[in-house]
Amino acid sequence: MVDRVTATDATLELIEKIKSIHGPLMFHQSGGCCDGSSPMCYPLGEFRVGNSDVLLGEIGDSPFYIAKDQYNYWKHTQLIIDVVDGRGGMFSLEGPEGKRFLTRSRVFTEEERKELGI
């Protein structure tokens, strides 16, 4: 089955480093506001998810959520979580590392859309 969310090797390395400091993690694709539209990293359970959130999958053995309304815009794309130098979201755990998570995407192929039922 095709993944709705994946991560680069650099992202997986950073996730492991953050886990060694903070323990289990979770991600939520921010929809804007203070930190723009970026993937936010929290200690597992610190960000409350509910009926308005969709679990896209896992990266680095950490659940990755997105708001339903955003999911409806992005459901035809695979989210690829990358990491770049710079200051990330002020609430996201990667900030002190001098890195920030970044969402890249690609449109699913016709075959992948059929497999996903979209």
Protein backbone atom coordinates (compact mmCIF):
# COMPACT_ATOMS: atom_id res chain seq x y z
CA MET A 1 0.00 0.00 0.00
CA VAL A 2 1.23 3.47 -0.84
CA ASP A 3 2.03 5.78 2.09
CA ARG A 4 0.18 9.06 2.41
CA VAL A 5 3.12 10.53 4.34
CA THR A 6 6.82 9.68 4.10
CA ALA A 7 10.07 11.15 5.41
CA THR A 8 13.52 11.71 4.01
CA ASP A 9 16.54 10.00 5.57
CA ALA A 10 17.64 13.34 7.06
CA THR A 11 14.20 13.72 8.65
CA LEU A 12 14.34 10.23 10.13
CA GLU A 13 17.77 10.98 11.61
CA LEU A 14 16.49 14.18 13.22
CA ILE A 15 13.42 12.37 14.56
CA GLU A 16 15.69 9.83 16.28
CA LYS A 17 17.76 12.63 17.82
CA ILE A 18 14.64 14.41 19.11
CA LYS A 19 13.25 11.13 20.46
CA SER A 20 16.47 10.60 22.43
CA ILE A 21 15.80 13.92 24.17
CA HIS A 22 11.98 14.00 24.45
CA GLY A 23 10.83 10.38 24.14
CA PRO A 24 8.00 9.27 21.81
CA LEU A 25 6.81 11.90 19.33
CA MET A 26 3.81 12.87 17.25
CA PHE A 27 3.36 15.21 14.28
CA HIS A 28 0.56 17.47 13.14
CA GLN A 29 0.55 19.29 9.81
CA SER A 30 -0.10 22.88 10.81
CA GLY A 31 -2.67 24.76 8.79
CA GLY A 32 -1.21 28.19 9.33
CA CYS A 33 -1.51 30.81 12.05
CA CYS A 34 1.64 31.47 14.07
CA ASP A 35 3.90 28.87 12.47
CA GLY A 36 2.68 28.89 8.89
CA SER A 37 1.83 25.66 7.14
CA SER A 38 4.51 23.36 8.50
CA PRO A 39 4.73 19.96 10.13
CA MET A 40 4.83 20.42 13.89
CA CYS A 41 6.60 17.93 16.17
CA TYR A 42 5.40 17.40 19.75
CA PRO A 43 5.95 14.92 22.56
CA LEU A 44 3.43 12.10 22.02
CA GLY A 45 0.06 13.11 23.46
CA GLU A 46 0.94 16.79 23.99
CA PHE A 47 -1.11 17.94 21.00
CA ARG A 48 -4.72 16.89 21.33
CA VAL A 49 -6.21 15.35 18.24
CA GLY A 50 -9.90 14.75 17.77
CA ASN A 51 -12.66 14.11 15.27
CA SER A 52 -11.45 17.00 13.11
CA ASP A 53 -8.04 15.34 12.54
CA VAL A 54 -6.99 12.55 10.16
CA LEU A 55 -4.17 10.11 10.91
CA LEU A 56 -2.17 10.00 7.65
CA GLY A 57 0.34 7.43 8.81
CA GLU A 58 3.65 7.36 10.65
CA ILE A 59 7.12 8.74 10.10
CA GLY A 60 9.94 7.44 12.27
CA ASP A 61 7.39 5.34 14.20
CA SER A 62 5.59 8.57 15.16
CA PRO A 63 1.95 9.24 14.23
CA PHE A 64 1.36 12.03 11.70
CA TYR A 65 -1.98 13.89 11.71
CA ILE A 66 -3.57 16.56 9.56
CA ALA A 67 -6.81 18.54 9.99
CA LYS A 68 -9.74 17.15 7.96
CA ASP A 69 -10.22 20.37 5.99
CA GLN A 70 -6.55 20.41 4.99
CA TYR A 71 -6.68 16.70 4.20
CA ASN A 72 -9.48 17.40 1.74
CA TYR A 73 -7.19 19.81 -0.13
CA TRP A 74 -4.14 17.53 -0.03
CA LYS A 75 -5.67 14.05 -0.29
CA HIS A 76 -4.44 13.65 -3.86
CA THR A 77 -0.83 14.18 -2.80
CA GLN A 78 1.75 12.28 -0.83
CA LEU A 79 3.33 14.43 1.87
CA ILE A 80 7.11 14.10 2.02
CA ILE A 81 8.52 15.46 5.26
CA ASP A 82 11.99 16.89 4.82
CA VAL A 83 14.33 18.87 7.05
CA VAL A 84 16.28 22.03 6.21
CA ASP A 85 18.54 24.39 8.10
CA GLY A 86 16.78 27.26 9.82
CA ARG A 87 14.39 28.11 12.58
CA GLY A 88 11.17 26.11 12.56
CA GLY A 89 7.85 26.62 14.27
CA MET A 90 8.12 28.12 17.71
CA PHE A 91 6.11 25.27 19.22
CA SER A 92 7.85 22.45 17.36
CA LEU A 93 10.60 20.40 19.02
CA GLU A 94 13.19 20.64 16.23
CA GLY A 95 13.76 24.39 16.74
CA PRO A 96 16.69 24.15 19.19
CA GLU A 97 18.51 21.88 16.71
CA GLY A 98 18.83 24.71 14.15
CA LYS A 99 16.63 22.73 11.76
CA ARG A 100 13.04 22.87 10.65
CA PHE A 101 10.70 20.30 9.21
CA LEU A 102 9.35 21.13 5.77
CA THR A 103 6.48 19.56 3.85
CA ARG A 104 7.07 18.71 0.22
CA SER A 105 4.51 16.86 -1.86
CA ARG A 106 3.88 14.98 -5.05
CA VAL A 107 0.62 14.11 -6.78
CA PHE A 108 -0.34 10.45 -6.53
CA THR A 109 -0.29 8.49 -9.77
CA GLU A 110 -3.54 7.18 -11.20
CA GLU A 111 -2.67 3.69 -9.93
CA GLU A 112 -1.93 5.03 -6.43
CA ARG A 113 -5.23 6.96 -6.37
CA LYS A 114 -7.09 3.75 -7.24
CA GLU A 115 -5.24 1.88 -4.50
CA LEU A 116 -6.13 4.60 -1.99
CA GLY A 117 -9.73 4.87 -3.18
CA ILE A 118 -9.56 8.58 -4.08
